Structure formats: structure tokens, C-alpha cells
PDB file of N, CA and C in Angstrom:
ATOM      1  N   MET A   1       0.561  21.098  84.393  1.00  0.00           N
ATOM      2  CA  MET A   1      -0.939  21.088  84.242  1.00  0.00           C
ATOM      3  C   MET A   1      -1.562  20.958  85.705  1.00  0.00           C
ATOM      4  N   ARG A   2      -0.908  20.700  86.491  1.00  0.00           N
ATOM      5  CA  ARG A   2      -1.682  20.713  87.921  1.00  0.00           C
ATOM      6  C   ARG A   2      -1.653  21.886  88.732  1.00  0.00           C
ATOM      7  N   PRO A   3      -3.162  22.034  89.371  1.00  0.00           N
ATOM      8  CA  PRO A   3      -3.267  23.302  89.944  1.00  0.00           C
ATOM      9  C   PRO A   3      -2.369  23.039  91.385  1.00  0.00           C
ATOM     10  N   LEU A   4      -2.621  24.345  92.051  1.00  0.00           N
ATOM     11  CA  LEU A   4      -2.172  24.818  93.197  1.00  0.00           C
ATOM     12  C   LEU A   4      -3.437  24.665  94.174  1.00  0.00           C
ATOM     13  N   TRP A   5      -3.179  23.513  95.262  1.00  0.00           N
ATOM     14  CA  TRP A   5      -4.528  23.921  96.480  1.00  0.00           C
ATOM     15  C   TRP A   5      -4.044  24.400  97.628  1.00  0.00           C
ATOM     16  N   ILE A   6      -4.506  25.518  98.200  1.00  0.00           N
ATOM     17  CA  ILE A   6      -4.335  26.155  99.119  1.00  0.00           C
ATOM     18  C   ILE A   6      -5.409  25.642 100.122  1.00  0.00           C
ATOM     19  N   ILE A   7      -5.025  25.114 101.622  1.00  0.00           N
ATOM     20  CA  ILE A   7      -5.952  24.567 102.600  1.00  0.00           C
ATOM     21  C   ILE A   7      -5.996  25.834 103.616  1.00  0.00           C
ATOM     22  N   ASN A   8      -6.879  26.812 103.883  1.00  0.00           N
ATOM     23  CA  ASN A   8      -7.018  27.409 105.220  1.00  0.00           C
ATOM     24  C   ASN A   8      -8.240  27.396 105.540  1.00  0.00           C
ATOM     25  N   LYS A   9      -8.158  26.905 107.122  1.00  0.00           N
ATOM     26  CA  LYS A   9      -9.210  26.809 108.113  1.00  0.00           C
ATOM     27  C   LYS A   9     -10.450  25.910 107.625  1.00  0.00           C
ATOM     28  N   GLY A  10      -9.538  24.759 107.320  1.00  0.00           N
ATOM     29  CA  GLY A  10     -10.771  23.751 106.702  1.00  0.00           C
ATOM     30  C   GLY A  10     -11.222  23.652 105.775  1.00  0.00           C
ATOM     31  N   GLU A  11     -10.951  24.736 104.765  1.00  0.00           N
ATOM     32  CA  GLU A  11     -11.478  24.888 103.578  1.00  0.00           C
ATOM     33  C   GLU A  11     -10.274  24.726 102.334  1.00  0.00           C
ATOM     34  N   LEU A  12     -10.760  24.188 101.127  1.00  0.00           N
ATOM     35  CA  LEU A  12      -9.889  24.370  99.937  1.00  0.00           C
ATOM     36  C   LEU A  12     -10.254  24.986  98.700  1.00  0.00           C
ATOM     37  N   SER A  13      -9.251  25.989  98.419  1.00  0.00           N
ATOM     38  CA  SER A  13      -8.961  26.670  97.630  1.00  0.00           C
ATOM     39  C   SER A  13      -8.164  26.330  96.553  1.00  0.00           C
ATOM     40  N   GLU A  14      -8.605  26.496  94.963  1.00  0.00           N
ATOM     41  CA  GLU A  14      -7.776  26.340  93.589  1.00  0.00           C
ATOM     42  C   GLU A  14      -7.473  26.998  93.170  1.00  0.00           C
ATOM     43  N   VAL A  15      -6.091  27.190  92.441  1.00  0.00           N
ATOM     44  CA  VAL A  15      -5.688  27.989  91.504  1.00  0.00           C
ATOM     45  C   VAL A  15      -5.290  27.477  90.173  1.00  0.00           C
ATOM     46  N   LYS A  16      -5.860  27.713  89.594  1.00  0.00           N
ATOM     47  CA  LYS A  16      -6.014  26.906  88.064  1.00  0.00           C
ATOM     48  C   LYS A  16      -4.498  26.516  87.551  1.00  0.00           C
ATOM     49  N   ALA A  17      -3.996  25.480  87.109  1.00  0.00           N
ATOM     50  CA  ALA A  17      -2.897  25.723  86.279  1.00  0.00           C
ATOM     51  C   ALA A  17      -3.142  25.640  84.649  1.00  0.00           C
ATOM     52  N   ASP A  18      -2.226  26.209  84.317  1.00  0.00           N
ATOM     53  CA  ASP A  18      -1.943  26.243  82.651  1.00  0.00           C
ATOM     54  C   ASP A  18      -2.011  24.670  81.996  1.00  0.00           C
ATOM     55  N   LYS A  19      -2.605  24.664  81.177  1.00  0.00           N
ATOM     56  CA  LYS A  19      -2.827  22.886  80.649  1.00  0.00           C
ATOM     57  C   LYS A  19      -1.392  23.111  79.398  1.00  0.00           C
ATOM     58  N   ILE A  20      -0.296  23.226  80.147  1.00  0.00           N
ATOM     59  CA  ILE A  20       1.178  23.285  79.015  1.00  0.00           C
ATOM     60  C   ILE A  20       1.834  22.391  80.187  1.00  0.00           C
ATOM     61  N   PRO A  21       2.306  21.226  79.720  1.00  0.00           N
ATOM     62  CA  PRO A  21       3.138  20.584  80.765  1.00  0.00           C
ATOM     63  C   PRO A  21       4.765  21.676  80.569  1.00  0.00           C
ATOM     64  N   ILE A  22       5.097  21.315  81.564  1.00  0.00           N
ATOM     65  CA  ILE A  22       6.338  22.123  82.081  1.00  0.00           C
ATOM     66  C   ILE A  22       7.718  21.670  81.264  1.00  0.00           C
ATOM     67  N   GLY A  23       7.825  20.470  80.800  1.00  0.00           N
ATOM     68  CA  GLY A  23       8.756  20.062  79.827  1.00  0.00           C
ATOM     69  C   GLY A  23       8.230  20.469  78.391  1.00  0.00           C
ATOM     70  N   THR A  24       7.410  21.386  77.926  1.00  0.00           N
ATOM     71  CA  THR A  24       6.942  21.279  76.353  1.00  0.00           C
ATOM     72  C   THR A  24       7.956  22.152  76.066  1.00  0.00           C
ATOM     73  N   ARG A  25       8.486  21.779  74.604  1.00  0.00           N
ATOM     74  CA  ARG A  25       9.478  22.999  74.098  1.00  0.00           C
ATOM     75  C   ARG A  25       7.855  23.760  72.651  1.00  0.00           C
ATOM     76  N   ALA A  26       8.423  24.331  72.625  1.00  0.00           N
ATOM     77  CA  ALA A  26       8.156  25.431  71.375  1.00  0.00           C
ATOM     78  C   ALA A  26       7.891  24.758  70.076  1.00  0.00           C
ATOM     79  N   VAL A  27       8.974  24.078  69.658  1.00  0.00           N
ATOM     80  CA  VAL A  27       9.052  23.673  68.742  1.00  0.00           C
ATOM     81  C   VAL A  27       8.013  22.088  68.077  1.00  0.00           C
ATOM     82  N   ASP A  28       7.256  21.732  69.606  1.00  0.00           N
ATOM     83  CA  ASP A  28       6.220  20.654  69.564  1.00  0.00           C
ATOM     84  C   ASP A  28       4.982  20.929  69.529  1.00  0.00           C
ATOM     85  N   ARG A  29       4.809  22.553  69.867  1.00  0.00           N
ATOM     86  CA  ARG A  29       3.349  23.081  69.873  1.00  0.00           C
ATOM     87  C   ARG A  29       2.889  23.866  68.595  1.00  0.00           C
ATOM     88  N   ASP A  30       1.711  23.580  68.127  1.00  0.00           N
ATOM     89  CA  ASP A  30       1.307  24.466  66.932  1.00  0.00           C
ATOM     90  C   ASP A  30       0.896  26.204  67.677  1.00  0.00           C
ATOM     91  N   LEU A  31       0.816  26.259  69.075  1.00  0.00           N
ATOM     92  CA  LEU A  31       0.464  27.590  69.705  1.00  0.00           C
ATOM     93  C   LEU A  31       1.438  27.906  70.715  1.00  0.00           C
ATOM     94  N   PRO A  32       2.121  29.189  70.881  1.00  0.00           N
ATOM     95  CA  PRO A  32       3.160  29.720  71.334  1.00  0.00           C
ATOM     96  C   PRO A  32       2.514  29.298  72.804  1.00  0.00           C
ATOM     97  N   ILE A  33       3.793  28.943  73.649  1.00  0.00           N
ATOM     98  CA  ILE A  33       3.692  28.969  75.188  1.00  0.00           C
ATOM     99  C   ILE A  33       3.671  29.795  75.710  1.00  0.00           C
ATOM    100  N   ALA A  34       2.724  29.856  76.738  1.00  0.00           N
ATOM    101  CA  ALA A  34       2.091  31.219  77.536  1.00  0.00           C
ATOM    102  C   ALA A  34       1.481  30.656  78.622  1.00  0.00           C
ATOM    103  N   TYR A  35       2.468  30.757  79.846  1.00  0.00           N
ATOM    104  CA  TYR A  35       2.238  30.444  80.880  1.00  0.00           C
ATOM    105  C   TYR A  35       1.758  31.654  81.853  1.00  0.00           C
ATOM    106  N   HIS A  36       0.536  31.741  82.574  1.00  0.00           N
ATOM    107  CA  HIS A  36       0.615  32.667  83.462  1.00  0.00           C
ATOM    108  C   HIS A  36       1.243  32.660  84.865  1.00  0.00           C
ATOM    109  N   THR A  37       1.061  33.860  85.450  1.00  0.00           N
ATOM    110  CA  THR A  37       1.940  34.421  86.809  1.00  0.00           C
ATOM    111  C   THR A  37       0.841  34.690  87.387  1.00  0.00           C
ATOM    112  N   ASN A  38       0.459  34.252  88.731  1.00  0.00           N
ATOM    113  CA  ASN A  38      -0.343  34.431  89.826  1.00  0.00           C
ATOM    114  C   ASN A  38       0.703  34.385  91.054  1.00  0.00           C
ATOM    115  N   VAL A  39       0.172  35.839  91.450  1.00  0.00           N
ATOM    116  CA  VAL A  39       0.784  36.486  92.548  1.00  0.00           C
ATOM    117  C   VAL A  39      -0.113  35.992  93.715  1.00  0.00           C
ATOM    118  N   LEU A  40       0.448  35.427  94.663  1.00  0.00           N
ATOM    119  CA  LEU A  40      -0.296  35.101  96.137  1.00  0.00           C
ATOM    120  C   LEU A  40       0.104  36.080  97.007  1.00  0.00           C
ATOM    121  N   ASN A  41      -1.051  36.288  98.109  1.00  0.00           N
ATOM    122  CA  ASN A  41      -0.459  36.716  99.310  1.00  0.00           C
ATOM    123  C   ASN A  41      -0.635  35.468 100.490  1.00  0.00           C
ATOM    124  N   MET A  42       0.563  35.264 100.838  1.00  0.00           N
ATOM    125  CA  MET A  42       0.454  33.868 101.674  1.00  0.00           C
ATOM    126  C   MET A  42      -0.440  34.458 103.043  1.00  0.00           C
ATOM    127  N   GLU A  43      -1.451  33.167 103.436  1.00  0.00           N
ATOM    128  CA  GLU A  43      -2.581  33.869 104.705  1.00  0.00           C
ATOM    129  C   GLU A  43      -1.449  33.157 105.338  1.00  0.00           C
ATOM    130  N   PRO A  44      -1.415  33.817 106.991  1.00  0.00           N
ATOM    131  CA  PRO A  44      -0.749  32.937 108.176  1.00  0.00           C
ATOM    132  C   PRO A  44      -1.647  31.619 108.283  1.00  0.00           C
ATOM    133  N   GLY A  45      -1.033  30.564 108.818  1.00  0.00           N
ATOM    134  CA  GLY A  45      -1.920  29.316 108.926  1.00  0.00           C
ATOM    135  C   GLY A  45      -2.052  28.547 107.655  1.00  0.00           C
ATOM    136  N   ALA A  46      -2.257  28.933 106.201  1.00  0.00           N
ATOM    137  CA  ALA A  46      -2.697  28.190 105.455  1.00  0.00           C
ATOM    138  C   ALA A  46      -1.425  27.638 104.769  1.00  0.00           C
ATOM    139  N   ARG A  47      -1.712  26.244 104.148  1.00  0.00           N
ATOM    140  CA  ARG A  47      -1.010  25.633 103.436  1.00  0.00           C
ATOM    141  C   ARG A  47      -1.428  25.305 101.975  1.00  0.00           C
ATOM    142  N   TYR A  48      -0.210  24.938 101.518  1.00  0.00           N
ATOM    143  CA  TYR A  48      -0.316  25.480  99.613  1.00  0.00           C
ATOM    144  C   TYR A  48       0.631  23.881  99.615  1.00  0.00           C
ATOM    145  N   PHE A  49      -0.191  23.251  98.607  1.00  0.00           N
ATOM    146  CA  PHE A  49       0.160  21.924  98.146  1.00  0.00           C
ATOM    147  C   PHE A  49       0.305  21.930  96.542  1.00  0.00           C
ATOM    148  N   ILE A  50       1.649  21.376  95.634  1.00  0.00           N
ATOM    149  CA  ILE A  50       1.620  21.313  94.490  1.00  0.00           C
ATOM    150  C   ILE A  50       1.882  19.703  94.223  1.00  0.00           C
ATOM    151  N   PHE A  51       1.626  19.120  93.144  1.00  0.00           N
ATOM    152  CA  PHE A  51       2.047  17.533  93.197  1.00  0.00           C
ATOM    153  C   PHE A  51       1.522  16.815  91.845  1.00  0.00           C
ATOM    154  N   THR A  52       2.069  16.038  91.660  1.00  0.00           N
ATOM    155  CA  THR A  52       1.938  15.136  90.156  1.00  0.00           C
ATOM    156  C   THR A  52       0.646  14.562  90.538  1.00  0.00           C
ATOM    157  N   ASP A  53      -0.053  13.483  89.408  1.00  0.00           N
ATOM    158  CA  ASP A  53      -1.127  13.155  89.504  1.00  0.00           C
ATOM    159  C   ASP A  53      -0.868  11.822  89.881  1.00  0.00           C
ATOM    160  N   GLY A  54       0.088  11.227  90.043  1.00  0.00           N
ATOM    161  CA  GLY A  54       0.619  10.096  90.593  1.00  0.00           C
ATOM    162  C   GLY A  54      -0.578   9.433  91.518  1.00  0.00           C
ATOM    163  N   TYR A  55      -0.298  10.520  93.114  1.00  0.00           N
ATOM    164  CA  TYR A  55      -0.980   9.707  94.096  1.00  0.00           C
ATOM    165  C   TYR A  55      -2.558   9.581  93.850  1.00  0.00           C
ATOM    166  N   ALA A  56      -3.142  10.478  93.096  1.00  0.00           N
ATOM    167  CA  ALA A  56      -4.465  10.053  92.766  1.00  0.00           C
ATOM    168  C   ALA A  56      -4.875   9.174  91.636  1.00  0.00           C
ATOM    169  N   ASP A  57      -3.908   8.802  90.724  1.00  0.00           N
ATOM    170  CA  ASP A  57      -3.901   7.768  89.846  1.00  0.00           C
ATOM    171  C   ASP A  57      -3.576   6.546  90.195  1.00  0.00           C
ATOM    172  N   GLN A  58      -3.247   6.110  91.982  1.00  0.00           N
ATOM    173  CA  GLN A  58      -2.954   4.859  92.096  1.00  0.00           C
ATOM    174  C   GLN A  58      -3.839   3.633  92.094  1.00  0.00           C
ATOM    175  N   PHE A  59      -4.237   2.820  91.340  1.00  0.00           N
ATOM    176  CA  PHE A  59      -4.802   1.749  91.881  1.00  0.00           C
ATOM    177  C   PHE A  59      -4.653   0.847  93.401  1.00  0.00           C
ATOM    178  N   GLY A  60      -5.874   1.067  93.970  1.00  0.00           N
ATOM    179  CA  GLY A  60      -6.053  -0.033  95.459  1.00  0.00           C
ATOM    180  C   GLY A  60      -7.460  -0.169  95.822  1.00  0.00           C
ATOM    181  N   GLY A  61      -7.473  -0.278  97.004  1.00  0.00           N
ATOM    182  CA  GLY A  61      -8.467  -0.144  97.720  1.00  0.00           C
ATOM    183  C   GLY A  61      -9.393  -1.512  97.675  1.00  0.00           C
ATOM    184  N   ASP A  62     -10.331  -1.762  98.204  1.00  0.00           N
ATOM    185  CA  ASP A  62     -11.111  -2.845  98.158  1.00  0.00           C
ATOM    186  C   ASP A  62     -11.663  -3.371  97.027  1.00  0.00           C
ATOM    187  N   LYS A  63     -12.013  -1.960  95.724  1.00  0.00           N
ATOM    188  CA  LYS A  63     -12.534  -2.342  94.237  1.00  0.00           C
ATOM    189  C   LYS A  63     -11.280  -2.460  93.208  1.00  0.00           C
ATOM    190  N   ASP A  64     -10.073  -1.961  93.687  1.00  0.00           N
ATOM    191  CA  ASP A  64      -8.797  -1.862  92.885  1.00  0.00           C
ATOM    192  C   ASP A  64      -9.092  -0.758  91.883  1.00  0.00           C
ATOM    193  N   LYS A  65      -9.578   0.321  92.546  1.00  0.00           N
ATOM    194  CA  LYS A  65      -9.783   1.652  92.005  1.00  0.00           C
ATOM    195  C   LYS A  65      -8.863   2.565  91.892  1.00  0.00           C
ATOM    196  N   LYS A  66      -8.856   3.502  90.856  1.00  0.00           N
ATOM    197  CA  LYS A  66      -7.863   4.811  91.366  1.00  0.00           C
ATOM    198  C   LYS A  66      -8.268   5.578  92.572  1.00  0.00           C
ATOM    199  N   TYR A  67      -7.125   5.950  93.093  1.00  0.00           N
ATOM    200  CA  TYR A  67      -7.397   6.746  94.571  1.00  0.00           C
ATOM    201  C   TYR A  67      -8.629   7.818  94.502  1.00  0.00           C
ATOM    202  N   SER A  68      -7.928   8.653  93.103  1.00  0.00           N
ATOM    203  CA  SER A  68      -8.992   9.860  93.163  1.00  0.00           C
ATOM    204  C   SER A  68      -8.718  11.258  93.554  1.00  0.00           C
ATOM    205  N   THR A  69      -8.896  11.935  92.871  1.00  0.00           N
ATOM    206  CA  THR A  69      -8.919  13.651  93.266  1.00  0.00           C
ATOM    207  C   THR A  69      -9.536  13.885  94.056  1.00  0.00           C
ATOM    208  N   ALA A  70     -10.643  13.505  94.317  1.00  0.00           N
ATOM    209  CA  ALA A  70     -11.604  13.503  95.541  1.00  0.00           C
ATOM    210  C   ALA A  70     -11.268  13.471  96.636  1.00  0.00           C
ATOM    211  N   ARG A  71     -10.712  11.824  96.506  1.00  0.00           N
ATOM    212  CA  ARG A  71     -10.016  11.587  97.945  1.00  0.00           C
ATOM    213  C   ARG A  71      -8.552  12.058  98.288  1.00  0.00           C
ATOM    214  N   PHE A  72      -8.234  12.531  97.500  1.00  0.00           N
ATOM    215  CA  PHE A  72      -6.598  13.061  97.708  1.00  0.00           C
ATOM    216  C   PHE A  72      -7.123  14.427  98.417  1.00  0.00           C
ATOM    217  N   LYS A  73      -7.841  14.766  97.571  1.00  0.00           N
ATOM    218  CA  LYS A  73      -8.423  16.763  98.423  1.00  0.00           C
ATOM    219  C   LYS A  73      -8.725  16.286 100.039  1.00  0.00           C
ATOM    220  N   LYS A  74      -9.891  15.428 100.077  1.00  0.00           N
ATOM    221  CA  LYS A  74     -10.037  15.017 101.380  1.00  0.00           C
ATOM    222  C   LYS A  74      -9.099  14.434 102.285  1.00  0.00           C
ATOM    223  N   LEU A  75      -8.349  13.896 101.819  1.00  0.00           N
ATOM    224  CA  LEU A  75      -7.055  13.285 102.543  1.00  0.00           C
ATOM    225  C   LEU A  75      -6.259  14.878 103.150  1.00  0.00           C
ATOM    226  N   LEU A  76      -5.793  15.666 102.061  1.00  0.00           N
ATOM    227  CA  LEU A  76      -4.992  16.593 102.600  1.00  0.00           C
ATOM    228  C   LEU A  76      -6.048  17.508 103.348  1.00  0.00           C
ATOM    229  N   ILE A  77      -6.797  17.899 103.224  1.00  0.00           N
ATOM    230  CA  ILE A  77      -8.038  18.767 104.679  1.00  0.00           C
ATOM    231  C   ILE A  77      -7.903  17.980 105.523  1.00  0.00           C
ATOM    232  N   GLU A  78      -8.318  17.052 105.641  1.00  0.00           N
ATOM    233  CA  GLU A  78      -7.989  16.103 106.926  1.00  0.00           C
ATOM    234  C   GLU A  78      -6.819  16.310 107.616  1.00  0.00           C
ATOM    235  N   THR A  79      -5.793  16.517 107.197  1.00  0.00           N
ATOM    236  CA  THR A  79      -4.100  15.719 107.612  1.00  0.00           C
ATOM    237  C   THR A  79      -3.967  17.767 107.473  1.00  0.00           C
ATOM    238  N   ALA A  80      -4.146  18.219 107.013  1.00  0.00           N
ATOM    239  CA  ALA A  80      -3.522  19.956 107.199  1.00  0.00           C
ATOM    240  C   ALA A  80      -3.326  20.130 108.391  1.00  0.00           C
ATOM    241  N   SER A  81      -3.966  20.200 109.508  1.00  0.00           N
ATOM    242  CA  SER A  81      -3.655  20.659 110.977  1.00  0.00           C
ATOM    243  C   SER A  81      -2.612  20.265 111.500  1.00  0.00           C
ATOM    244  N   LEU A  82      -2.242  18.941 110.682  1.00  0.00           N
ATOM    245  CA  LEU A  82      -0.725  18.264 111.466  1.00  0.00           C
ATOM    246  C   LEU A  82       0.534  18.879 111.211  1.00  0.00           C
ATOM    247  N   ASP A  83       1.388  18.842 111.666  1.00  0.00           N
ATOM    248  CA  ASP A  83       2.696  19.635 111.384  1.00  0.00           C
ATOM    249  C   ASP A  83       3.105  18.694 110.167  1.00  0.00           C
ATOM    250  N   PHE A  84       4.277  19.020 109.703  1.00  0.00           N
ATOM    251  CA  PHE A  84       4.548  18.879 108.288  1.00  0.00           C
ATOM    252  C   PHE A  84       4.889  17.293 108.110  1.00  0.00           C
ATOM    253  N   ASP A  85       5.976  17.021 109.346  1.00  0.00           N
ATOM    254  CA  ASP A  85       6.369  15.928 109.316  1.00  0.00           C
ATOM    255  C   ASP A  85       5.188  14.786 109.721  1.00  0.00           C
ATOM    256  N   ALA A  86       4.091  15.198 110.408  1.00  0.00           N
ATOM    257  CA  ALA A  86       2.925  13.885 110.848  1.00  0.00           C
ATOM    258  C   ALA A  86       2.260  13.841 109.372  1.00  0.00           C
ATOM    259  N   GLN A  87       1.919  15.146 108.791  1.00  0.00           N
ATOM    260  CA  GLN A  87       0.962  14.935 107.469  1.00  0.00           C
ATOM    261  C   GLN A  87       2.057  14.293 106.734  1.00  0.00           C
ATOM    262  N   GLU A  88       3.056  13.932 106.326  1.00  0.00           N
ATOM    263  CA  GLU A  88       3.746  13.538 105.515  1.00  0.00           C
ATOM    264  C   GLU A  88       3.494  11.706 105.851  1.00  0.00           C
ATOM    265  N   LYS A  89       3.972  11.782 107.348  1.00  0.00           N
ATOM    266  CA  LYS A  89       3.832  10.011 107.600  1.00  0.00           C
ATOM    267  C   LYS A  89       1.862   9.425 107.012  1.00  0.00           C
ATOM    268  N   ALA A  90       1.118  10.364 107.433  1.00  0.00           N
ATOM    269  CA  ALA A  90      -0.052  10.149 107.519  1.00  0.00           C
ATOM    270  C   ALA A  90      -0.238  10.069 105.760  1.00  0.00           C
ATOM    271  N   ILE A  91      -0.018  10.802 105.000  1.00  0.00           N
ATOM    272  CA  ILE A  91      -0.347  11.014 103.444  1.00  0.00           C
ATOM    273  C   ILE A  91       0.721   9.476 103.041  1.00  0.00           C
ATOM    274  N   ARG A  92       1.681   9.304 103.266  1.00  0.00           N
ATOM    275  CA  ARG A  92       2.356   8.202 102.962  1.00  0.00           C
ATOM    276  C   ARG A  92       1.690   6.585 103.609  1.00  0.00           C
ATOM    277  N   GLU A  93       1.420   6.751 104.626  1.00  0.00           N
ATOM    278  CA  GLU A  93       0.843   5.508 105.133  1.00  0.00           C
ATOM    279  C   GLU A  93      -0.516   5.366 104.321  1.00  0.00           C
ATOM    280  N   GLU A  94      -1.358   6.110 104.482  1.00  0.00           N
ATOM    281  CA  GLU A  94      -2.649   6.270 103.387  1.00  0.00           C
ATOM    282  C   GLU A  94      -2.231   5.673 102.141  1.00  0.00           C
ATOM    283  N   HIS A  95      -1.356   5.915 101.563  1.00  0.00           N
ATOM    284  CA  HIS A  95      -0.840   5.367 100.277  1.00  0.00           C
ATOM    285  C   HIS A  95      -0.658   4.377  99.944  1.00  0.00           C
ATOM    286  N   ILE A  96       0.368   3.329 101.050  1.00  0.00           N
ATOM    287  CA  ILE A  96       0.748   2.347 101.237  1.00  0.00           C
ATOM    288  C   ILE A  96      -0.452   1.575 101.656  1.00  0.00           C
ATOM    289  N   LYS A  97      -1.185   2.072 102.433  1.00  0.00           N
ATOM    290  CA  LYS A  97      -2.627   1.229 102.763  1.00  0.00           C
ATOM    291  C   LYS A  97      -3.467   0.921 101.204  1.00  0.00           C
ATOM    292  N   TRP A  98      -3.756   2.413 100.696  1.00  0.00           N
ATOM    293  CA  TRP A  98      -4.526   2.184  99.435  1.00  0.00           C
ATOM    294  C   TRP A  98      -3.779   1.021  98.501  1.00  0.00           C
ATOM    295  N   LYS A  99      -2.424   1.472  98.226  1.00  0.00           N
ATOM    296  CA  LYS A  99      -1.928   0.776  97.307  1.00  0.00           C
ATOM    297  C   LYS A  99      -2.314  -1.019  97.161  1.00  0.00           C
ATOM    298  N   GLY A 100      -1.964  -1.435  98.583  1.00  0.00           N
ATOM    299  CA  GLY A 100      -1.841  -2.828  99.147  1.00  0.00           C
ATOM    300  C   GLY A 100      -0.449  -3.448  97.995  1.00  0.00           C
ATOM    301  N   PRO A 101      -0.980  -4.586  97.777  1.00  0.00           N
ATOM    302  CA  PRO A 101       0.012  -4.908  96.930  1.00  0.00           C
ATOM    303  C   PRO A 101       0.415  -5.156  95.463  1.00  0.00           C
ATOM    304  N   ASN A 102      -0.522  -3.743  95.071  1.00  0.00           N
ATOM    305  CA  ASN A 102      -0.639  -2.996  93.215  1.00  0.00           C
ATOM    306  C   ASN A 102       0.835  -2.591  93.848  1.00  0.00           C
ATOM    307  N   GLU A 103       1.568  -2.834  92.436  1.00  0.00           N
ATOM    308  CA  GLU A 103       2.743  -1.778  92.249  1.00  0.00           C
ATOM    309  C   GLU A 103       2.492  -0.427  91.915  1.00  0.00           C
ATOM    310  N   GLN A 104       3.529   0.390  92.317  1.00  0.00           N
ATOM    311  CA  GLN A 104       3.121   1.959  91.965  1.00  0.00           C
ATOM    312  C   GLN A 104       3.066   1.919  90.650  1.00  0.00           C
ATOM    313  N   VAL A 105       2.124   2.819  90.534  1.00  0.00           N
ATOM    314  CA  VAL A 105       1.741   3.148  88.985  1.00  0.00           C
ATOM    315  C   VAL A 105       2.294   4.343  88.578  1.00  0.00           C
ATOM    316  N   ASP A 106       2.909   5.153  89.070  1.00  0.00           N
ATOM    317  CA  ASP A 106       3.236   6.458  88.302  1.00  0.00           C
ATOM    318  C   ASP A 106       4.419   7.329  89.455  1.00  0.00           C
ATOM    319  N   ASP A 107       4.673   8.299  88.634  1.00  0.00           N
ATOM    320  CA  ASP A 107       5.630   8.966  90.155  1.00  0.00           C
ATOM    321  C   ASP A 107       4.506   9.798  91.035  1.00  0.00           C
ATOM    322  N   ILE A 108       4.985   9.804  92.331  1.00  0.00           N
ATOM    323  CA  ILE A 108       4.205  10.565  93.175  1.00  0.00           C
ATOM    324  C   ILE A 108       5.234  11.647  93.821  1.00  0.00           C
ATOM    325  N   LEU A 109       4.738  13.093  93.553  1.00  0.00           N
ATOM    326  CA  LEU A 109       5.241  14.315  94.317  1.00  0.00           C
ATOM    327  C   LEU A 109       4.156  14.937  94.805  1.00  0.00           C
ATOM    328  N   VAL A 110       4.799  15.256  96.179  1.00  0.00           N
ATOM    329  CA  VAL A 110       3.490  15.949  96.860  1.00  0.00           C
ATOM    330  C   VAL A 110       4.954  17.252  97.500  1.00  0.00           C
ATOM    331  N   ILE A 111       4.316  18.167  97.301  1.00  0.00           N
ATOM    332  CA  ILE A 111       5.123  19.134  98.025  1.00  0.00           C
ATOM    333  C   ILE A 111       4.258  20.135  98.836  1.00  0.00           C
ATOM    334  N   GLY A 112       4.137  20.472 100.242  1.00  0.00           N
ATOM    335  CA  GLY A 112       3.286  21.334 101.047  1.00  0.00           C
ATOM    336  C   GLY A 112       4.576  22.285 101.600  1.00  0.00           C
ATOM    337  N   PHE A 113       3.923  23.591 101.558  1.00  0.00           N
ATOM    338  CA  PHE A 113       4.705  24.320 102.185  1.00  0.00           C
ATOM    339  C   PHE A 113       3.005  25.580 102.880  1.00  0.00           C
ATOM    340  N   GLY A 114       3.848  25.992 104.136  1.00  0.00           N
ATOM    341  CA  GLY A 114       2.989  27.117 104.690  1.00  0.00           C
ATOM    342  C   GLY A 114       3.961  28.091 105.362  1.00  0.00           C
ATOM    343  N   THR A 115       3.048  29.277 106.209  1.00  0.00           N
ATOM    344  CA  THR A 115       3.388  29.894 106.535  1.00  0.00           C
ATOM    345  C   THR A 115       3.400  29.557 108.201  1.00  0.00           C
TER     346      THR A 115
END
């Protein structure tokens, strides 16, 4: 149910997700499961990100608030020009700094790939 974010030349675009969890079983739904297929032309230099909601949902900061999707977008845009190892380190360090003494509240998965 999470989008695909594409960052290219400092701009973020989004491929909307289907509002059907991946693990959904047909017997658990009134409506049929119908995922959409998106075909993308990978642009040279672009970065593509898929992720769980765990990063944005983490509590922390000065006011013990959620990190937020907007802040997560900004972080990915700001670090997209780094090589993937450096970007991973920056994202991990930001999470630890934000979380502070709070427990991690959810699973966190961020997958980035590019050309």
C-alpha cells in the first residue's frame, strides 16, 4: 500500500500504490484483488525507493512526534546524490538521532535502486 518514489535531478515523483496489502487473501475481502501493473522506463541517474511506513511513523525529535512522510521525502531528496552506501549511512544515522531513547515502533525497510 506504499508508493514508489522516484527522485531525479532533485525532484520527487510518485507512483501511487494500490490500496491492497500484499498479504491479503481473496477470502478475506469482499472485492476481488486486482493489482495494477506499472511499467517504467528507468532514467539514467534516477533513484527509485520503496519502503514500509515504519521510518515515517517513528516517534522522536524534540517534541516526541512522528518523523512524518514529508520529512522522510525531504531526507531522501537531500541524500539522493550520495552513493548508496553513504545514503544508507545517512538515513540510518538520521533515524537513530530522531528516535533518541524511544523504542523502534515498527518494522523499517527502505529499498533504493537506480541506474
